[in-house]
């Protein structure tokens, strides 16, 4: 049990450091936040995913397609289908 607590504490500390780095260094934020958000999504860590997506473009500036997609995933998870549809409309029609 102690090992699990140590791993959880380490993961939480690593997440906190990454979030702080994303907030301080704009270049790091633009490059790493989408990767961190996708990782959090794959691990089912919705709160962390929301923080990472928020760090990508904190003021809801014009979205990239990757950001719009990640926001739509969060919206669907929260059952906010209207917002998810709005985000999906920003995606290219490939």
N, C-alpha and C. Protein backbone atom coordinates (compact mmCIF):
# COMPACT_ATOMS: atom_id res chain seq x y z
N UNK A 1 0.81 -1.19 0.00
CA UNK A 1 0.00 0.00 0.00
C UNK A 1 0.86 1.25 0.00
N UNK A 2 1.95 1.21 0.73
CA UNK A 2 2.84 2.36 0.79
C UNK A 2 3.42 2.68 -0.59
N UNK A 3 3.74 1.64 -1.35
CA UNK A 3 4.26 1.84 -2.69
C UNK A 3 3.24 2.57 -3.56
N UNK A 4 1.98 2.17 -3.49
CA UNK A 4 0.93 2.82 -4.27
C UNK A 4 0.77 4.28 -3.86
N UNK A 5 0.87 4.55 -2.58
CA UNK A 5 0.79 5.94 -2.11
C UNK A 5 1.94 6.77 -2.63
N UNK A 6 3.14 6.19 -2.64
CA UNK A 6 4.31 6.90 -3.16
C UNK A 6 4.18 7.16 -4.65
N UNK A 7 3.69 6.18 -5.38
CA UNK A 7 3.50 6.36 -6.83
C UNK A 7 2.46 7.44 -7.10
N UNK A 8 1.36 7.39 -6.38
CA UNK A 8 0.30 8.40 -6.55
C UNK A 8 0.83 9.80 -6.21
N UNK A 9 1.57 9.91 -5.12
CA UNK A 9 2.14 11.20 -4.72
C UNK A 9 3.12 11.71 -5.79
N UNK A 10 3.95 10.81 -6.32
CA UNK A 10 4.90 11.18 -7.37
C UNK A 10 4.16 11.66 -8.62
N UNK A 11 3.10 10.94 -9.01
CA UNK A 11 2.32 11.33 -10.18
C UNK A 11 1.67 12.70 -9.97
N UNK A 12 1.12 12.92 -8.79
CA UNK A 12 0.49 14.21 -8.50
C UNK A 12 1.50 15.34 -8.53
N UNK A 13 2.68 15.09 -7.98
CA UNK A 13 3.74 16.12 -8.01
C UNK A 13 4.18 16.40 -9.44
N UNK A 14 4.33 15.34 -10.23
CA UNK A 14 4.74 15.53 -11.63
C UNK A 14 3.69 16.32 -12.40
N UNK A 15 2.41 16.02 -12.16
CA UNK A 15 1.34 16.76 -12.82
C UNK A 15 1.37 18.23 -12.41
N UNK A 16 1.59 18.50 -11.13
CA UNK A 16 1.63 19.89 -10.65
C UNK A 16 2.79 20.64 -11.27
N UNK A 17 3.93 20.01 -11.38
CA UNK A 17 5.10 20.65 -12.00
C UNK A 17 4.84 20.93 -13.47
N UNK A 18 4.26 19.96 -14.17
CA UNK A 18 3.96 20.16 -15.59
C UNK A 18 2.97 21.30 -15.78
N UNK A 19 1.95 21.35 -14.97
CA UNK A 19 0.95 22.41 -15.09
C UNK A 19 1.59 23.77 -14.83
N UNK A 20 2.45 23.87 -13.82
CA UNK A 20 3.14 25.13 -13.54
C UNK A 20 4.04 25.52 -14.71
N UNK A 21 4.75 24.54 -15.28
CA UNK A 21 5.62 24.83 -16.42
C UNK A 21 4.81 25.31 -17.61
N UNK A 22 3.66 24.68 -17.82
CA UNK A 22 2.82 25.08 -18.94
C UNK A 22 2.33 26.51 -18.78
N UNK A 23 2.08 26.92 -17.55
CA UNK A 23 1.57 28.27 -17.31
C UNK A 23 2.66 29.32 -17.45
N UNK A 24 3.90 28.97 -17.18
CA UNK A 24 4.98 29.95 -17.14
C UNK A 24 5.65 30.14 -18.50
N UNK A 25 5.86 29.08 -19.22
CA UNK A 25 6.65 29.14 -20.45
C UNK A 25 5.72 28.91 -21.64
N UNK A 26 5.36 29.98 -22.37
CA UNK A 26 4.39 29.84 -23.46
C UNK A 26 4.78 28.82 -24.52
N UNK A 27 6.05 28.76 -24.89
CA UNK A 27 6.48 27.82 -25.92
C UNK A 27 6.27 26.38 -25.45
N UNK A 28 6.60 26.12 -24.19
CA UNK A 28 6.40 24.78 -23.63
C UNK A 28 4.91 24.46 -23.60
N UNK A 29 4.11 25.46 -23.21
CA UNK A 29 2.66 25.26 -23.16
C UNK A 29 2.12 24.83 -24.51
N UNK A 30 2.51 25.55 -25.56
CA UNK A 30 1.99 25.24 -26.90
C UNK A 30 2.41 23.85 -27.37
N UNK A 31 3.61 23.43 -27.00
CA UNK A 31 4.12 22.16 -27.51
C UNK A 31 3.71 20.96 -26.67
N UNK A 32 3.65 21.11 -25.36
CA UNK A 32 3.45 19.97 -24.48
C UNK A 32 2.01 19.77 -23.99
N UNK A 33 1.26 20.84 -23.89
CA UNK A 33 -0.10 20.70 -23.34
C UNK A 33 -0.98 19.74 -24.14
N UNK A 34 -0.97 19.79 -25.47
CA UNK A 34 -1.80 18.82 -26.21
C UNK A 34 -1.38 17.37 -25.97
N UNK A 35 -0.08 17.14 -25.83
CA UNK A 35 0.42 15.79 -25.57
C UNK A 35 -0.01 15.34 -24.18
N UNK A 36 0.14 16.24 -23.21
CA UNK A 36 -0.27 15.92 -21.84
C UNK A 36 -1.78 15.68 -21.76
N UNK A 37 -2.56 16.48 -22.49
CA UNK A 37 -4.02 16.32 -22.49
C UNK A 37 -4.40 14.96 -23.08
N UNK A 38 -3.76 14.58 -24.17
CA UNK A 38 -4.06 13.28 -24.77
C UNK A 38 -3.68 12.14 -23.83
N UNK A 39 -2.55 12.28 -23.14
CA UNK A 39 -2.15 11.26 -22.17
C UNK A 39 -3.14 11.14 -21.03
N UNK A 40 -3.59 12.29 -20.52
CA UNK A 40 -4.57 12.28 -19.43
C UNK A 40 -5.87 11.64 -19.90
N UNK A 41 -6.27 11.93 -21.12
CA UNK A 41 -7.49 11.33 -21.69
C UNK A 41 -7.35 9.80 -21.72
N UNK A 42 -6.21 9.32 -22.23
CA UNK A 42 -6.00 7.88 -22.32
C UNK A 42 -6.00 7.20 -20.96
N UNK A 43 -5.63 7.94 -19.91
CA UNK A 43 -5.59 7.37 -18.57
C UNK A 43 -6.88 7.64 -17.80
N UNK A 44 -7.85 8.31 -18.44
CA UNK A 44 -9.12 8.59 -17.79
C UNK A 44 -9.02 9.64 -16.69
N UNK A 45 -8.00 10.49 -16.75
CA UNK A 45 -7.82 11.54 -15.75
C UNK A 45 -8.43 12.83 -16.29
N UNK A 46 -9.75 12.93 -16.15
CA UNK A 46 -10.50 14.00 -16.78
C UNK A 46 -10.15 15.38 -16.22
N UNK A 47 -9.93 15.47 -14.93
CA UNK A 47 -9.59 16.75 -14.33
C UNK A 47 -8.24 17.25 -14.85
N UNK A 48 -7.27 16.35 -14.92
CA UNK A 48 -5.96 16.72 -15.47
C UNK A 48 -6.09 17.11 -16.93
N UNK A 49 -6.88 16.35 -17.68
CA UNK A 49 -7.08 16.68 -19.09
C UNK A 49 -7.64 18.09 -19.23
N UNK A 50 -8.62 18.43 -18.41
CA UNK A 50 -9.19 19.77 -18.45
C UNK A 50 -8.16 20.84 -18.15
N UNK A 51 -7.27 20.58 -17.20
CA UNK A 51 -6.23 21.56 -16.88
C UNK A 51 -5.27 21.73 -18.05
N UNK A 52 -4.90 20.63 -18.68
CA UNK A 52 -3.97 20.72 -19.81
C UNK A 52 -4.61 21.43 -21.00
N UNK A 53 -5.86 21.10 -21.30
CA UNK A 53 -6.55 21.77 -22.39
C UNK A 53 -6.67 23.26 -22.08
N UNK A 54 -6.96 23.59 -20.84
CA UNK A 54 -7.03 24.99 -20.43
C UNK A 54 -5.69 25.70 -20.56
N UNK A 55 -4.60 24.95 -20.38
CA UNK A 55 -3.27 25.55 -20.49
C UNK A 55 -2.87 25.80 -21.94
N UNK A 56 -3.52 25.10 -22.87
CA UNK A 56 -3.17 25.29 -24.28
C UNK A 56 -3.51 26.71 -24.71
N UNK A 57 -4.73 27.11 -24.44
CA UNK A 57 -5.20 28.44 -24.82
C UNK A 57 -6.07 28.96 -23.69
N UNK A 58 -5.44 29.56 -22.67
CA UNK A 58 -6.19 29.91 -21.46
C UNK A 58 -7.33 30.89 -21.67
N UNK A 59 -7.29 31.69 -22.69
CA UNK A 59 -8.32 32.71 -22.88
C UNK A 59 -9.27 32.38 -24.01
N UNK A 60 -9.36 31.09 -24.38
CA UNK A 60 -10.25 30.62 -25.45
C UNK A 60 -10.00 31.39 -26.74
N UNK A 61 -8.72 31.57 -27.04
CA UNK A 61 -8.33 32.19 -28.30
C UNK A 61 -8.74 31.26 -29.44
N UNK A 62 -8.64 31.71 -30.68
CA UNK A 62 -9.01 30.83 -31.79
C UNK A 62 -8.30 29.47 -31.67
N UNK A 63 -9.07 28.42 -31.79
CA UNK A 63 -8.57 27.07 -31.55
C UNK A 63 -7.88 26.49 -32.76
N UNK A 64 -6.91 25.64 -32.48
CA UNK A 64 -6.41 24.76 -33.52
C UNK A 64 -7.38 23.59 -33.59
N UNK A 65 -7.28 22.78 -34.62
CA UNK A 65 -8.19 21.64 -34.70
C UNK A 65 -7.93 20.65 -33.58
N UNK A 66 -6.67 20.50 -33.16
CA UNK A 66 -6.36 19.58 -32.06
C UNK A 66 -7.00 20.06 -30.76
N UNK A 67 -6.94 21.36 -30.51
CA UNK A 67 -7.54 21.91 -29.30
C UNK A 67 -9.05 21.77 -29.34
N UNK A 68 -9.65 22.07 -30.47
CA UNK A 68 -11.10 21.93 -30.60
C UNK A 68 -11.53 20.49 -30.36
N UNK A 69 -10.76 19.54 -30.89
CA UNK A 69 -11.08 18.13 -30.69
C UNK A 69 -11.00 17.75 -29.22
N UNK A 70 -9.92 18.16 -28.54
CA UNK A 70 -9.76 17.84 -27.12
C UNK A 70 -10.87 18.47 -26.28
N UNK A 71 -11.25 19.70 -26.61
CA UNK A 71 -12.35 20.33 -25.90
C UNK A 71 -13.66 19.58 -26.14
N UNK A 72 -13.86 19.12 -27.37
CA UNK A 72 -15.09 18.36 -27.68
C UNK A 72 -15.12 17.06 -26.88
N UNK A 73 -13.99 16.40 -26.74
CA UNK A 73 -13.92 15.16 -25.94
C UNK A 73 -14.33 15.45 -24.50
N UNK A 74 -13.80 16.53 -23.93
CA UNK A 74 -14.17 16.90 -22.56
C UNK A 74 -15.65 17.23 -22.46
N UNK A 75 -16.16 17.94 -23.45
CA UNK A 75 -17.58 18.30 -23.44
C UNK A 75 -18.47 17.07 -23.48
N UNK A 76 -18.11 16.10 -24.31
CA UNK A 76 -18.89 14.86 -24.38
C UNK A 76 -18.83 14.12 -23.05
N UNK A 77 -17.64 14.08 -22.46
CA UNK A 77 -17.50 13.42 -21.15
C UNK A 77 -18.42 14.06 -20.11
N UNK A 78 -18.56 15.38 -20.18
CA UNK A 78 -19.42 16.10 -19.24
C UNK A 78 -20.87 16.18 -19.70
N UNK A 79 -21.19 15.49 -20.79
CA UNK A 79 -22.54 15.47 -21.36
C UNK A 79 -23.01 16.85 -21.81
N UNK A 80 -22.06 17.68 -22.22
CA UNK A 80 -22.39 19.01 -22.76
C UNK A 80 -22.31 18.91 -24.28
N UNK A 81 -23.33 18.28 -24.85
CA UNK A 81 -23.30 17.95 -26.27
C UNK A 81 -23.40 19.17 -27.17
N UNK A 82 -24.09 20.20 -26.73
CA UNK A 82 -24.20 21.42 -27.53
C UNK A 82 -22.82 22.06 -27.70
N UNK A 83 -22.07 22.16 -26.61
CA UNK A 83 -20.73 22.72 -26.69
C UNK A 83 -19.81 21.83 -27.52
N UNK A 84 -19.94 20.51 -27.35
CA UNK A 84 -19.13 19.58 -28.13
C UNK A 84 -19.39 19.75 -29.62
N UNK A 85 -20.65 19.94 -29.97
CA UNK A 85 -20.99 20.15 -31.39
C UNK A 85 -20.36 21.44 -31.91
N UNK A 86 -20.39 22.49 -31.08
CA UNK A 86 -19.76 23.75 -31.47
C UNK A 86 -18.27 23.58 -31.71
N UNK A 87 -17.61 22.83 -30.84
CA UNK A 87 -16.18 22.57 -31.03
C UNK A 87 -15.95 21.74 -32.28
N UNK A 88 -16.81 20.75 -32.52
CA UNK A 88 -16.66 19.88 -33.69
C UNK A 88 -16.84 20.68 -34.98
N UNK A 89 -17.67 21.72 -34.95
CA UNK A 89 -17.86 22.55 -36.14
C UNK A 89 -16.58 23.29 -36.53
N UNK A 90 -15.66 23.44 -35.59
CA UNK A 90 -14.40 24.11 -35.89
C UNK A 90 -13.40 23.19 -36.58
N UNK A 91 -13.67 21.89 -36.57
CA UNK A 91 -12.74 20.93 -37.16
C UNK A 91 -12.85 20.97 -38.68
N UNK A 92 -11.71 20.77 -39.37
CA UNK A 92 -11.76 20.74 -40.83
C UNK A 92 -12.55 19.54 -41.34
N UNK A 93 -13.09 19.65 -42.53
CA UNK A 93 -13.95 18.62 -43.11
C UNK A 93 -13.22 17.54 -43.87
N UNK A 94 -11.97 17.37 -43.73
CA UNK A 94 -11.16 16.40 -44.48
C UNK A 94 -11.97 15.40 -45.15
